[in-house]
Amino acid sequence: MKIENLKKSKIFYIIIFIVIIVFGITYYFNYYKNSPTYRVNTFLNSFKSNIQQQRDVDGIFDMIYFKVHSPQLDENRKDGYKHLIIENYDILYKKKLESDIYAFKISMNESYDGKNFENNVYDIFTIKQYNKWFIALGVHNVPDDILEKYEDLQKMLEEEKKDDTILLPGEFVLGG
């Protein structure tokens, strides 16, 4: 009688273990991999490699949403992404503004030559466009239709326009 109960409890625990594993895999592939946080981590981790020649610059570029495009500007951006190295980064905060936009404040130790690293803090956004998450580097790259819905973002954009130390679209590589 006891051996039979032991076998039943073993089977019960194996079934529970399998259910937990299946739930974890489902969560990872259906939720986390399609989340704004995953997009930010994927984007920033793509710059952590010191082997810049092996970097998929076009893949990085495809993750980003820009309001302003031109062939020369896009080539300058890609060249900057080819040389950028992020030694480490921290997501200081993440805030859900709506189902289609999240705000992140990122602190990162970055360099373009691999030697002179400096710590900078950026406001970046993940926006959902065409059923895919994109990175908007700075509030000035948030699409107008989304920007119109959020008074706080409009205020941030106005502050950027007033501050002559902040470069706006086309003026710098990472956020341009």
Foldseek 3Di string as FASTA:
>chain_A
DVVVVVVVVVVVVVVVVVVVVVVVVCCVVPPVCQDLVVLVVVLQVLQQDPPLVPRPLVVSVVQAFAPDDDVVLSVVLSVQSSQKHWNDKDFPDWADPDPFKIKTKMWTFMDRHVPDTDIDIFIWMWGQDPNGTHIQGALLRDDPVVCVVDPVSVVRVVVLVVDPVRDHPSPDRPND
